[in-house]
Amino acid sequence: MASPLLRKRRFVFGSAEFGIKMTARRHPLPLCNKNGQMTSFNKKRKVIYRTTYPNGNIYIGKDLIYNINYFGIANSAIIEKDFTWEDQMRFTIKKEILWFSDTATDKEANEEEVKFIRLNESNNPTIGYNRWPKFNG
């Protein structure tokens, strides 16, 4: 049974029904405003982010359909070498959004990602976990 703070809401866009979504009673968030336009919280936003690991090393990545829970695809084998098992048992990483756009193309987002990788030198193995573009130190 659902929590009493949650309720089922049915979202409709025109005559097409999108299904059921659970929302908190205190903050029901419709997918569309009264004019049928997508609301700002659910647009497909492109972001460039920096993930900072406990040792200070960073990873710069992009998310072309923004998901708050996405932390990138840095090479786990490389990262694991920097941390003991004890370190990994209590592991906190920080994600910062460096750039975002609701209108950029995928190509523009790709170009921004490369700019931020070079600017932050996260492709330098002593600074970060990006391995592309190749670091020319």
Protein backbone atom coordinates (compact mmCIF):
# COMPACT_ATOMS: atom_id res chain seq x y z
CA MET A 1 0.00 0.00 0.00
CA ALA A 2 1.22 3.48 -0.85
CA SER A 3 2.33 5.89 1.81
CA PRO A 4 -0.43 8.26 3.01
CA LEU A 5 1.76 11.15 1.82
CA LEU A 6 1.66 9.82 -1.71
CA ARG A 7 -1.24 9.61 -4.09
CA LYS A 8 -1.77 8.42 -7.60
CA ARG A 9 -2.21 11.11 -10.23
CA ARG A 10 -3.13 10.63 -13.84
CA PHE A 11 -1.44 13.01 -16.28
CA VAL A 12 -3.08 13.91 -19.56
CA PHE A 13 -1.65 15.78 -22.54
CA GLY A 14 -4.44 16.60 -24.98
CA SER A 15 -6.37 13.36 -25.21
CA ALA A 16 -3.35 11.07 -24.77
CA GLU A 17 -2.90 9.62 -21.32
CA PHE A 18 0.68 9.14 -20.10
CA GLY A 19 -0.12 6.88 -17.17
CA ILE A 20 0.15 7.02 -13.43
CA LYS A 21 2.91 8.76 -11.51
CA MET A 22 3.32 8.87 -7.74
CA THR A 23 3.72 12.39 -6.37
CA ALA A 24 3.94 13.80 -2.88
CA ARG A 25 0.66 15.34 -1.73
CA ARG A 26 2.41 18.49 -0.62
CA HIS A 27 3.98 19.08 -4.05
CA PRO A 28 1.89 17.61 -6.86
CA LEU A 29 3.76 18.36 -10.08
CA PRO A 30 1.83 18.04 -13.35
CA LEU A 31 3.80 17.19 -16.49
CA CYS A 32 2.08 19.96 -18.45
CA ASN A 33 0.73 23.39 -17.63
CA LYS A 34 -2.87 24.35 -18.43
CA ASN A 35 -1.84 25.25 -22.01
CA GLY A 36 -0.39 21.79 -22.62
CA GLN A 37 3.22 23.01 -22.58
CA MET A 38 5.93 20.97 -20.90
CA THR A 39 6.90 22.46 -17.54
CA SER A 40 10.49 23.47 -16.82
CA PHE A 41 11.23 20.59 -14.43
CA ASN A 42 10.75 17.87 -17.02
CA LYS A 43 12.34 19.24 -20.17
CA LYS A 44 15.10 17.16 -21.69
CA ARG A 45 18.00 19.28 -20.46
CA LYS A 46 21.59 18.68 -21.55
CA VAL A 47 24.22 19.10 -18.83
CA ILE A 48 27.98 18.98 -18.41
CA TYR A 49 28.97 17.95 -14.89
CA ARG A 50 32.06 17.42 -12.77
CA THR A 51 32.21 14.47 -10.41
CA THR A 52 34.75 14.86 -7.58
CA TYR A 53 36.00 11.76 -5.79
CA PRO A 54 37.26 11.59 -2.17
CA ASN A 55 40.90 11.76 -3.32
CA GLY A 56 40.21 15.03 -5.18
CA ASN A 57 40.36 13.50 -8.66
CA ILE A 58 37.61 14.56 -11.04
CA TYR A 59 35.62 13.25 -13.95
CA ILE A 60 33.89 15.55 -16.47
CA GLY A 61 30.90 14.09 -18.26
CA LYS A 62 27.73 14.96 -20.09
CA ASP A 63 24.13 13.86 -19.81
CA LEU A 64 22.04 14.50 -22.91
CA ILE A 65 18.70 13.78 -21.19
CA TYR A 66 19.44 15.07 -17.69
CA ASN A 67 18.94 12.55 -14.91
CA ILE A 68 19.77 13.62 -11.37
CA ASN A 69 20.89 10.07 -10.58
CA TYR A 70 23.43 9.77 -13.42
CA PHE A 71 27.08 10.04 -12.37
CA GLY A 72 28.83 9.10 -15.60
CA ILE A 73 30.75 6.22 -17.05
CA ALA A 74 34.27 6.75 -15.76
CA ASN A 75 36.38 3.59 -15.94
CA SER A 76 35.74 1.75 -12.66
CA ALA A 77 38.97 -0.27 -12.92
CA ILE A 78 41.03 2.93 -12.94
CA ILE A 79 39.10 4.43 -10.02
CA GLU A 80 39.29 1.24 -7.91
CA LYS A 81 43.10 1.36 -8.04
CA ASP A 82 43.04 4.65 -6.12
CA PHE A 83 40.97 3.38 -3.17
CA THR A 84 41.35 0.58 -0.65
CA TRP A 85 38.41 -1.63 0.23
CA GLU A 86 38.09 0.29 3.50
CA ASP A 87 37.91 3.56 1.53
CA GLN A 88 35.20 2.10 -0.68
CA MET A 89 33.04 1.10 2.28
CA ARG A 90 32.27 4.77 2.98
CA PHE A 91 32.55 6.53 -0.34
CA THR A 92 31.16 9.98 -1.11
CA ILE A 93 31.34 11.67 -4.49
CA LYS A 94 30.13 15.14 -5.39
CA LYS A 95 28.44 16.06 -8.66
CA GLU A 96 28.41 19.68 -9.84
CA ILE A 97 26.64 20.92 -12.94
CA LEU A 98 29.06 23.15 -14.84
CA TRP A 99 26.92 23.94 -17.89
CA PHE A 100 23.37 23.24 -19.02
CA SER A 101 21.10 24.02 -21.94
CA ASP A 102 17.51 23.32 -22.91
CA THR A 103 18.19 24.26 -26.54
CA ALA A 104 21.70 23.00 -27.43
CA THR A 105 22.12 20.19 -29.93
CA ASP A 106 23.92 16.97 -29.00
CA LYS A 107 26.88 18.17 -31.07
CA GLU A 108 27.06 21.45 -29.13
CA ALA A 109 26.92 19.56 -25.82
CA ASN A 110 29.71 17.24 -27.02
CA GLU A 111 31.86 20.27 -27.87
CA GLU A 112 31.19 21.83 -24.45
CA GLU A 113 32.18 18.58 -22.72
CA VAL A 114 35.55 18.54 -24.51
CA LYS A 115 36.11 22.21 -23.59
CA PHE A 116 35.47 21.49 -19.90
CA ILE A 117 37.67 18.36 -19.95
CA ARG A 118 40.56 20.42 -21.34
CA LEU A 119 39.87 23.41 -19.07
CA ASN A 120 39.85 21.23 -15.93
CA GLU A 121 42.59 18.89 -17.26
CA SER A 122 40.51 15.96 -16.10
CA ASN A 123 42.17 13.89 -18.84
CA ASN A 124 45.51 14.30 -17.00
CA PRO A 125 45.87 10.99 -15.08
CA THR A 126 47.19 12.83 -12.00
CA ILE A 127 44.11 15.09 -11.88
CA GLY A 128 41.18 13.14 -13.26
CA TYR A 129 39.62 10.01 -14.69
CA ASN A 130 38.80 11.14 -18.23
CA ARG A 131 40.92 9.28 -20.79
CA TRP A 132 39.59 11.09 -23.82
CA PRO A 133 40.58 13.40 -25.39
CA LYS A 134 44.16 12.21 -24.93
CA PHE A 135 46.15 14.39 -22.52
CA ASN A 136 49.15 16.13 -24.13
CA GLY A 137 50.83 17.34 -20.96
